[in-house]
Amino acid sequence: MEAKRHPAPAFRSEIEDWLGEVHQGDCIERMRQMPPGSVDLIVTSPPYNIKNSTGNGLKNRSGGKWPQAALLEGYAGHDDAMPHVDYVEWQRACLSAMIRVLSEEGAIFYNHKWRVQGGLLQDRADIVAGFPLRQIIIWQRRGGINFNPGYFLPTYEVIYLIVKRGFRLAPKANAQGDVWRIPQESNNPHPAPFPVALAQKCIDSTEARIVLDPFIGSGSAVIAAELSGRNWVGIDISEDYCKLARQRIKGIGKIH
């Protein structure tokens, strides 16, 4: 049964041409083309810049200990190996663009991963500093492989809840805890898919009418929006991922 759709408000008519579409292009440039304050919710998981890691799992095929890692070649259209300073600057620019298109009651669920770099924790504070961060949600997932004897196997990622002042959760959603146990998604050709169930939990905890994912990847967030009866906008720089997302959106009945 198709979910009852939450209609976009009449005053958002400027955004109508964006709704229900996967838009290819640089996410910052695309968001600059969108009307300010035009979306209620952003649910996204950007590239983690994992290939510049000081760890010894994801390296080239001759030196790495994980030669079959899905992210060994990066993402389609992005090598995931930026200098850290450049990566932080890029992600902060992305968050600024997201804040611009967010309504005064809106929120961003920004999924990222902490990691150990040079023996010390890198907690992404340099990315989110200065943005209106209200809470950190822990996404507890299945453990992977840890080649470093200096620290325990990581089994979680974090979701930064970045909000406008007027944001409120949907009724009774505040009764949920801030640790969400959701397994990773399998049978997905994307090298690091964001689980539909995780995106849907973010969306269903709000009354957002319009959901944006500026790093759509395989389409999980917009699939979750569709399943929850919300309007949505998807963006990705990769033509391959845009095609993959469109295919998965068409096959929603087969995904769940």
C-alpha atoms as a PDB file:
ATOM      1  CA  MET A   1       0.000   0.000   0.000  1.00  0.00           C
ATOM      2  CA  GLU A   2       1.352   3.407  -0.950  1.00  0.00           C
ATOM      3  CA  ALA A   3       2.066   5.665   1.999  1.00  0.00           C
ATOM      4  CA  LYS A   4      -0.117   8.737   2.381  1.00  0.00           C
ATOM      5  CA  ARG A   5       1.928  11.636   1.064  1.00  0.00           C
ATOM      6  CA  HIS A   6       2.464  14.763   3.097  1.00  0.00           C
ATOM      7  CA  PRO A   7       1.670  17.571   0.611  1.00  0.00           C
ATOM      8  CA  ALA A   8       4.225  20.327   0.108  1.00  0.00           C
ATOM      9  CA  PRO A   9       2.850  23.658   1.368  1.00  0.00           C
ATOM     10  CA  ALA A  10       1.518  26.031  -1.284  1.00  0.00           C
ATOM     11  CA  PHE A  11       4.119  28.690  -0.468  1.00  0.00           C
ATOM     12  CA  ARG A  12       6.841  26.215  -1.501  1.00  0.00           C
ATOM     13  CA  SER A  13       5.721  26.283  -5.153  1.00  0.00           C
ATOM     14  CA  GLU A  14       9.229  27.349  -6.206  1.00  0.00           C
ATOM     15  CA  ILE A  15      10.579  23.972  -5.129  1.00  0.00           C
ATOM     16  CA  GLU A  16       8.044  21.905  -7.052  1.00  0.00           C
ATOM     17  CA  ASP A  17      10.307  21.375 -10.072  1.00  0.00           C
ATOM     18  CA  TRP A  18      12.882  19.763  -7.802  1.00  0.00           C
ATOM     19  CA  LEU A  19      10.563  17.296  -6.088  1.00  0.00           C
ATOM     20  CA  GLY A  20      10.656  13.572  -6.781  1.00  0.00           C
ATOM     21  CA  GLU A  21      13.740  13.874  -8.965  1.00  0.00           C
ATOM     22  CA  VAL A  22      17.374  12.773  -8.792  1.00  0.00           C
ATOM     23  CA  HIS A  23      19.492  15.736  -9.905  1.00  0.00           C
ATOM     24  CA  GLN A  24      23.027  15.133 -11.139  1.00  0.00           C
ATOM     25  CA  GLY A  25      25.660  17.706 -10.309  1.00  0.00           C
ATOM     26  CA  ASP A  26      27.903  19.150  -7.634  1.00  0.00           C
ATOM     27  CA  CYS A  27      25.784  19.290  -4.481  1.00  0.00           C
ATOM     28  CA  ILE A  28      26.888  22.772  -3.441  1.00  0.00           C
ATOM     29  CA  GLU A  29      26.138  24.240  -6.854  1.00  0.00           C
ATOM     30  CA  ARG A  30      22.815  22.439  -7.029  1.00  0.00           C
ATOM     31  CA  MET A  31      21.769  23.600  -3.570  1.00  0.00           C
ATOM     32  CA  ARG A  32      22.649  27.172  -4.529  1.00  0.00           C
ATOM     33  CA  GLN A  33      20.060  26.864  -7.299  1.00  0.00           C
ATOM     34  CA  MET A  34      17.356  25.798  -4.845  1.00  0.00           C
ATOM     35  CA  PRO A  35      15.130  28.344  -3.080  1.00  0.00           C
ATOM     36  CA  PRO A  36      16.316  29.230   0.441  1.00  0.00           C
ATOM     37  CA  GLY A  37      14.364  27.599   3.256  1.00  0.00           C
ATOM     38  CA  SER A  38      12.714  25.213   0.824  1.00  0.00           C
ATOM     39  CA  VAL A  39      13.281  21.823   2.519  1.00  0.00           C
ATOM     40  CA  ASP A  40      12.300  20.617   5.974  1.00  0.00           C
ATOM     41  CA  LEU A  41      14.806  17.842   6.494  1.00  0.00           C
ATOM     42  CA  ILE A  42      18.185  16.736   5.175  1.00  0.00           C
ATOM     43  CA  VAL A  43      19.274  13.138   5.706  1.00  0.00           C
ATOM     44  CA  THR A  44      22.685  12.424   4.275  1.00  0.00           C
ATOM     45  CA  SER A  45      25.940  10.524   4.579  1.00  0.00           C
ATOM     46  CA  PRO A  46      28.857  12.125   2.710  1.00  0.00           C
ATOM     47  CA  PRO A  47      32.020  10.366   1.549  1.00  0.00           C
ATOM     48  CA  TYR A  48      34.203   9.763   4.620  1.00  0.00           C
ATOM     49  CA  ASN A  49      37.551  10.531   2.933  1.00  0.00           C
ATOM     50  CA  ILE A  50      38.570   7.097   4.075  1.00  0.00           C
ATOM     51  CA  LYS A  51      41.400   6.537   1.592  1.00  0.00           C
ATOM     52  CA  ASN A  52      43.621   9.122   3.258  1.00  0.00           C
ATOM     53  CA  SER A  53      43.524   7.048   6.457  1.00  0.00           C
ATOM     54  CA  THR A  54      46.725   6.421   8.391  1.00  0.00           C
ATOM     55  CA  GLY A  55      45.468   2.899   9.080  1.00  0.00           C
ATOM     56  CA  ASN A  56      46.723  -0.108   7.160  1.00  0.00           C
ATOM     57  CA  GLY A  57      43.474  -1.626   5.951  1.00  0.00           C
ATOM     58  CA  LEU A  58      42.600   0.554   2.950  1.00  0.00           C
ATOM     59  CA  LYS A  59      45.760   1.030   0.933  1.00  0.00           C
ATOM     60  CA  ASN A  60      46.740   0.098  -2.566  1.00  0.00           C
ATOM     61  CA  ARG A  61      46.410  -3.499  -3.651  1.00  0.00           C
ATOM     62  CA  SER A  62      50.092  -4.240  -3.163  1.00  0.00           C
ATOM     63  CA  GLY A  63      50.323  -2.853   0.401  1.00  0.00           C
ATOM     64  CA  GLY A  64      46.911  -2.983   1.966  1.00  0.00           C
ATOM     65  CA  LYS A  65      45.646  -5.731   4.246  1.00  0.00           C
ATOM     66  CA  TRP A  66      42.113  -5.528   2.836  1.00  0.00           C
ATOM     67  CA  PRO A  67      42.572  -5.944  -0.925  1.00  0.00           C
ATOM     68  CA  GLN A  68      38.901  -6.676  -1.591  1.00  0.00           C
ATOM     69  CA  ALA A  69      37.518  -3.669   0.298  1.00  0.00           C
ATOM     70  CA  ALA A  70      34.613  -2.123  -1.570  1.00  0.00           C
ATOM     71  CA  LEU A  71      35.976   1.401  -1.104  1.00  0.00           C
ATOM     72  CA  LEU A  72      39.489   0.578  -2.307  1.00  0.00           C
ATOM     73  CA  GLU A  73      38.816   2.458  -5.536  1.00  0.00           C
ATOM     74  CA  GLY A  74      36.805   5.218  -3.854  1.00  0.00           C
ATOM     75  CA  TYR A  75      33.366   6.206  -5.144  1.00  0.00           C
ATOM     76  CA  ALA A  76      32.216   6.733  -8.702  1.00  0.00           C
ATOM     77  CA  GLY A  77      33.381  10.264  -9.525  1.00  0.00           C
ATOM     78  CA  HIS A  78      35.248  10.768  -6.223  1.00  0.00           C
ATOM     79  CA  ASP A  79      38.504   9.124  -5.111  1.00  0.00           C
ATOM     80  CA  ASP A  80      37.781   9.696  -1.373  1.00  0.00           C
ATOM     81  CA  ALA A  81      41.404  10.689  -0.740  1.00  0.00           C
ATOM     82  CA  MET A  82      41.415  14.481  -0.265  1.00  0.00           C
ATOM     83  CA  PRO A  83      43.982  16.178   1.978  1.00  0.00           C
ATOM     84  CA  HIS A  84      42.285  16.437   5.357  1.00  0.00           C
ATOM     85  CA  VAL A  85      42.259  20.245   5.458  1.00  0.00           C
ATOM     86  CA  ASP A  86      40.636  20.372   2.018  1.00  0.00           C
ATOM     87  CA  TYR A  87      38.106  17.732   3.009  1.00  0.00           C
ATOM     88  CA  VAL A  88      37.070  19.644   6.134  1.00  0.00           C
ATOM     89  CA  GLU A  89      36.715  22.871   4.128  1.00  0.00           C
ATOM     90  CA  TRP A  90      34.571  21.067   1.542  1.00  0.00           C
ATOM     91  CA  GLN A  91      32.287  19.466   4.101  1.00  0.00           C
ATOM     92  CA  ARG A  92      31.814  22.751   5.951  1.00  0.00           C
ATOM     93  CA  ALA A  93      30.865  24.384   2.651  1.00  0.00           C
ATOM     94  CA  CYS A  94      28.372  21.567   2.073  1.00  0.00           C
ATOM     95  CA  LEU A  95      26.841  22.061   5.520  1.00  0.00           C
ATOM     96  CA  SER A  96      26.588  25.811   4.930  1.00  0.00           C
ATOM     97  CA  ALA A  97      24.736  25.155   1.673  1.00  0.00           C
ATOM     98  CA  MET A  98      22.415  22.752   3.517  1.00  0.00           C
ATOM     99  CA  ILE A  99      21.667  25.328   6.217  1.00  0.00           C
ATOM    100  CA  ARG A 100      20.702  27.820   3.512  1.00  0.00           C
ATOM    101  CA  VAL A 101      18.025  25.578   1.973  1.00  0.00           C
ATOM    102  CA  LEU A 102      16.689  24.418   5.351  1.00  0.00           C
ATOM    103  CA  SER A 103      13.447  25.842   6.714  1.00  0.00           C
ATOM    104  CA  GLU A 104      13.359  27.579  10.102  1.00  0.00           C
ATOM    105  CA  GLU A 105      11.869  24.399  11.610  1.00  0.00           C
ATOM    106  CA  GLY A 106      14.273  22.094   9.781  1.00  0.00           C
ATOM    107  CA  ALA A 107      17.068  19.715  10.725  1.00  0.00           C
ATOM    108  CA  ILE A 108      20.026  17.886   9.218  1.00  0.00           C
ATOM    109  CA  PHE A 109      20.803  14.271  10.096  1.00  0.00           C
ATOM    110  CA  TYR A 110      24.482  14.219   9.088  1.00  0.00           C
ATOM    111  CA  ASN A 111      25.978  10.729   9.289  1.00  0.00           C
ATOM    112  CA  HIS A 112      29.742  10.418   9.663  1.00  0.00           C
ATOM    113  CA  LYS A 113      32.348   8.088  11.071  1.00  0.00           C
ATOM    114  CA  TRP A 114      34.903   8.708  13.780  1.00  0.00           C
ATOM    115  CA  ARG A 115      38.274   7.057  13.289  1.00  0.00           C
ATOM    116  CA  VAL A 116      41.760   6.869  14.750  1.00  0.00           C
ATOM    117  CA  GLN A 117      44.345   8.878  12.822  1.00  0.00           C
ATOM    118  CA  GLY A 118      48.011   8.838  13.803  1.00  0.00           C
ATOM    119  CA  GLY A 119      47.049   7.045  17.013  1.00  0.00           C
ATOM    120  CA  LEU A 120      44.474   9.656  18.109  1.00  0.00           C
ATOM    121  CA  LEU A 121      40.704   9.916  17.741  1.00  0.00           C
ATOM    122  CA  GLN A 122      39.419  12.026  14.844  1.00  0.00           C
ATOM    123  CA  ASP A 123      35.887  12.919  15.919  1.00  0.00           C
ATOM    124  CA  ARG A 124      34.898  15.314  13.084  1.00  0.00           C
ATOM    125  CA  ALA A 125      34.559  18.243  15.482  1.00  0.00           C
ATOM    126  CA  ASP A 126      36.495  20.321  12.964  1.00  0.00           C
ATOM    127  CA  ILE A 127      33.677  19.795  10.440  1.00  0.00           C
ATOM    128  CA  VAL A 128      30.673  20.538  12.645  1.00  0.00           C
ATOM    129  CA  ALA A 129      32.202  23.299  14.804  1.00  0.00           C
ATOM    130  CA  GLY A 130      30.053  26.434  14.754  1.00  0.00           C
ATOM    131  CA  PHE A 131      26.989  24.748  13.286  1.00  0.00           C
ATOM    132  CA  PRO A 132      23.873  24.462  15.498  1.00  0.00           C
ATOM    133  CA  LEU A 133      24.514  20.932  16.758  1.00  0.00           C
ATOM    134  CA  ARG A 134      21.790  19.752  19.115  1.00  0.00           C
ATOM    135  CA  GLN A 135      22.556  16.067  19.632  1.00  0.00           C
ATOM    136  CA  ILE A 136      24.699  13.129  18.554  1.00  0.00           C
ATOM    137  CA  ILE A 137      22.937   9.871  17.725  1.00  0.00           C
ATOM    138  CA  ILE A 138      24.927   6.658  17.785  1.00  0.00           C
ATOM    139  CA  TRP A 139      24.279   4.266  14.921  1.00  0.00           C
ATOM    140  CA  GLN A 140      25.334   0.882  16.264  1.00  0.00           C
ATOM    141  CA  ARG A 141      25.996  -1.501  13.389  1.00  0.00           C
ATOM    142  CA  ARG A 142      27.697  -4.827  12.881  1.00  0.00           C
ATOM    143  CA  GLY A 143      31.446  -4.885  13.403  1.00  0.00           C
ATOM    144  CA  GLY A 144      33.784  -5.113  10.444  1.00  0.00           C
ATOM    145  CA  ILE A 145      37.490  -5.921  10.289  1.00  0.00           C
ATOM    146  CA  ASN A 146      40.135  -4.221  12.430  1.00  0.00           C
ATOM    147  CA  PHE A 147      43.766  -4.608  11.416  1.00  0.00           C
ATOM    148  CA  ASN A 148      45.147  -2.259  14.068  1.00  0.00           C
ATOM    149  CA  PRO A 149      46.163  -3.750  17.437  1.00  0.00           C
ATOM    150  CA  GLY A 150      46.132  -0.305  19.057  1.00  0.00           C
ATOM    151  CA  TYR A 151      42.374   0.078  19.524  1.00  0.00           C
ATOM    152  CA  PHE A 152      39.121  -1.879  19.727  1.00  0.00           C
ATOM    153  CA  LEU A 153      37.047  -2.780  16.682  1.00  0.00           C
ATOM    154  CA  PRO A 154      34.731   0.166  15.863  1.00  0.00           C
ATOM    155  CA  THR A 155      31.071  -0.904  15.780  1.00  0.00           C
ATOM    156  CA  TYR A 156      29.300   2.425  15.448  1.00  0.00           C
ATOM    157  CA  GLU A 157      28.990   5.589  13.437  1.00  0.00           C
ATOM    158  CA  VAL A 158      27.530   8.907  14.511  1.00  0.00           C
ATOM    159  CA  ILE A 159      24.673  11.038  13.234  1.00  0.00           C
ATOM    160  CA  TYR A 160      25.014  14.723  14.023  1.00  0.00           C
ATOM    161  CA  LEU A 161      21.613  16.326  14.519  1.00  0.00           C
ATOM    162  CA  ILE A 162      22.126  19.889  13.287  1.00  0.00           C
ATOM    163  CA  VAL A 163      19.002  22.007  13.642  1.00  0.00           C
ATOM    164  CA  LYS A 164      17.354  25.346  13.070  1.00  0.00           C
ATOM    165  CA  ARG A 165      15.985  26.901  16.245  1.00  0.00           C
ATOM    166  CA  GLY A 166      12.364  25.954  15.549  1.00  0.00           C
ATOM    167  CA  PHE A 167      12.981  22.236  15.007  1.00  0.00           C
ATOM    168  CA  ARG A 168      10.900  19.808  17.022  1.00  0.00           C
ATOM    169  CA  LEU A 169      10.560  16.041  16.796  1.00  0.00           C
ATOM    170  CA  ALA A 170       7.323  14.365  15.778  1.00  0.00           C
ATOM    171  CA  PRO A 171       4.951  13.527  18.659  1.00  0.00           C
ATOM    172  CA  LYS A 172       6.347  10.758  20.895  1.00  0.00           C
ATOM    173  CA  ALA A 173       9.610  10.519  18.912  1.00  0.00           C
ATOM    174  CA  ASN A 174      11.432  12.070  21.863  1.00  0.00           C
ATOM    175  CA  ALA A 175      10.797   8.842  23.778  1.00  0.00           C
ATOM    176  CA  GLN A 176      13.316   7.056  21.562  1.00  0.00           C
ATOM    177  CA  GLY A 177      16.849   6.631  22.804  1.00  0.00           C
ATOM    178  CA  ASP A 178      19.897   8.076  21.080  1.00  0.00           C
ATOM    179  CA  VAL A 179      21.497   4.696  20.285  1.00  0.00           C
ATOM    180  CA  TRP A 180      20.003   3.077  17.193  1.00  0.00           C
ATOM    181  CA  ARG A 181      20.834  -0.566  16.453  1.00  0.00           C
ATOM    182  CA  ILE A 182      20.437  -1.061  12.719  1.00  0.00           C
ATOM    183  CA  PRO A 183      22.498  -3.441  10.550  1.00  0.00           C
ATOM    184  CA  GLN A 184      24.322  -2.328   7.445  1.00  0.00           C
ATOM    185  CA  GLU A 185      22.587  -2.807   4.134  1.00  0.00           C
ATOM    186  CA  SER A 186      23.623  -5.774   1.995  1.00  0.00           C
ATOM    187  CA  ASN A 187      23.004  -6.702  -1.644  1.00  0.00           C
ATOM    188  CA  ASN A 188      23.694  -3.147  -2.756  1.00  0.00           C
ATOM    189  CA  PRO A 189      26.244  -2.337  -5.505  1.00  0.00           C
ATOM    190  CA  HIS A 190      27.205   0.934  -3.821  1.00  0.00           C
ATOM    191  CA  PRO A 191      30.506   0.512  -1.894  1.00  0.00           C
ATOM    192  CA  ALA A 192      29.154   2.118   1.303  1.00  0.00           C
ATOM    193  CA  PRO A 193      25.344   2.113   1.255  1.00  0.00           C
ATOM    194  CA  PHE A 194      23.360   4.049   3.841  1.00  0.00           C
ATOM    195  CA  PRO A 195      20.663   1.687   5.172  1.00  0.00           C
ATOM    196  CA  VAL A 196      17.097   2.528   4.160  1.00  0.00           C
ATOM    197  CA  ALA A 197      15.973   1.557   7.667  1.00  0.00           C
ATOM    198  CA  LEU A 198      18.341   4.109   9.225  1.00  0.00           C
ATOM    199  CA  ALA A 199      17.219   6.895   6.894  1.00  0.00           C
ATOM    200  CA  GLN A 200      13.573   6.016   7.526  1.00  0.00           C
ATOM    201  CA  LYS A 201      14.078   6.197  11.291  1.00  0.00           C
ATOM    202  CA  CYS A 202      15.457   9.723  10.874  1.00  0.00           C
ATOM    203  CA  ILE A 203      12.565  10.768   8.644  1.00  0.00           C
ATOM    204  CA  ASP A 204       9.811   9.155  10.700  1.00  0.00           C
ATOM    205  CA  SER A 205      11.050  10.950  13.822  1.00  0.00           C
ATOM    206  CA  THR A 206      10.007  14.248  12.205  1.00  0.00           C
ATOM    207  CA  GLU A 207       6.982  15.769  10.506  1.00  0.00           C
ATOM    208  CA  ALA A 208       9.059  16.969   7.556  1.00  0.00           C
ATOM    209  CA  ARG A 209       7.207  17.362   4.280  1.00  0.00           C
ATOM    210  CA  ILE A 210      10.242  17.750   1.989  1.00  0.00           C
ATOM    211  CA  VAL A 211      13.413  15.677   2.451  1.00  0.00           C
ATOM    212  CA  LEU A 212      16.747  16.340   0.715  1.00  0.00           C
ATOM    213  CA  ASP A 213      19.787  14.123   0.327  1.00  0.00           C
ATOM    214  CA  PRO A 214      22.666  15.985  -1.389  1.00  0.00           C
ATOM    215  CA  PHE A 215      24.822  12.822  -1.464  1.00  0.00           C
ATOM    216  CA  ILE A 216      22.173  10.428  -2.714  1.00  0.00           C
ATOM    217  CA  GLY A 217      24.493   7.522  -3.550  1.00  0.00           C
ATOM    218  CA  SER A 218      22.320   4.449  -4.054  1.00  0.00           C
ATOM    219  CA  GLY A 219      19.187   6.386  -3.072  1.00  0.00           C
ATOM    220  CA  SER A 220      18.499   5.058   0.421  1.00  0.00           C
ATOM    221  CA  ALA A 221      17.352   8.341   1.961  1.00  0.00           C
ATOM    222  CA  VAL A 222      14.933   9.208  -0.831  1.00  0.00           C
ATOM    223  CA  ILE A 223      13.627   5.642  -0.901  1.00  0.00           C
ATOM    224  CA  ALA A 224      12.946   6.028   2.831  1.00  0.00           C
ATOM    225  CA  ALA A 225      11.214   9.346   2.141  1.00  0.00           C
ATOM    226  CA  GLU A 226       9.049   7.731  -0.528  1.00  0.00           C
ATOM    227  CA  LEU A 227       8.133   4.878   1.805  1.00  0.00           C
ATOM    228  CA  SER A 228       7.189   7.420   4.479  1.00  0.00           C
ATOM    229  CA  GLY A 229       5.014   9.426   2.116  1.00  0.00           C
ATOM    230  CA  ARG A 230       7.257  12.492   2.037  1.00  0.00           C
ATOM    231  CA  ASN A 231       8.309  14.636  -0.884  1.00  0.00           C
ATOM    232  CA  TRP A 232      12.001  14.422  -1.651  1.00  0.00           C
ATOM    233  CA  VAL A 233      14.932  15.806  -3.636  1.00  0.00           C
ATOM    234  CA  GLY A 234      18.085  13.837  -4.437  1.00  0.00           C
ATOM    235  CA  ILE A 235      21.464  15.111  -5.655  1.00  0.00           C
ATOM    236  CA  ASP A 236      24.670  13.334  -6.598  1.00  0.00           C
ATOM    237  CA  ILE A 237      27.670  14.273  -8.710  1.00  0.00           C
ATOM    238  CA  SER A 238      28.008  10.747 -10.106  1.00  0.00           C
ATOM    239  CA  GLU A 239      25.978   9.834 -13.162  1.00  0.00           C
ATOM    240  CA  ASP A 240      26.352   6.159 -12.242  1.00  0.00           C
ATOM    241  CA  TYR A 241      24.923   6.677  -8.749  1.00  0.00           C
ATOM    242  CA  CYS A 242      22.081   8.806 -10.095  1.00  0.00           C
ATOM    243  CA  LYS A 243      21.168   5.950 -12.431  1.00  0.00           C
ATOM    244  CA  LEU A 244      21.456   3.424  -9.606  1.00  0.00           C
ATOM    245  CA  ALA A 245      19.248   5.532  -7.332  1.00  0.00           C
ATOM    246  CA  ARG A 246      16.591   5.927 -10.022  1.00  0.00           C
ATOM    247  CA  GLN A 247      16.578   2.163 -10.607  1.00  0.00           C
ATOM    248  CA  ARG A 248      16.207   1.438  -6.902  1.00  0.00           C
ATOM    249  CA  ILE A 249      13.445   4.012  -6.521  1.00  0.00           C
ATOM    250  CA  LYS A 250      11.507   2.329  -9.329  1.00  0.00           C
ATOM    251  CA  GLY A 251      11.949  -1.016  -7.569  1.00  0.00           C
ATOM    252  CA  ILE A 252      10.862   0.103  -4.095  1.00  0.00           C
ATOM    253  CA  GLY A 253       8.430  -2.795  -3.797  1.00  0.00           C
ATOM    254  CA  LYS A 254      11.320  -5.218  -4.314  1.00  0.00           C
ATOM    255  CA  ILE A 255      13.607  -3.473  -1.802  1.00  0.00           C
ATOM    256  CA  HIS A 256      11.274  -4.023   1.164  1.00  0.00           C
END
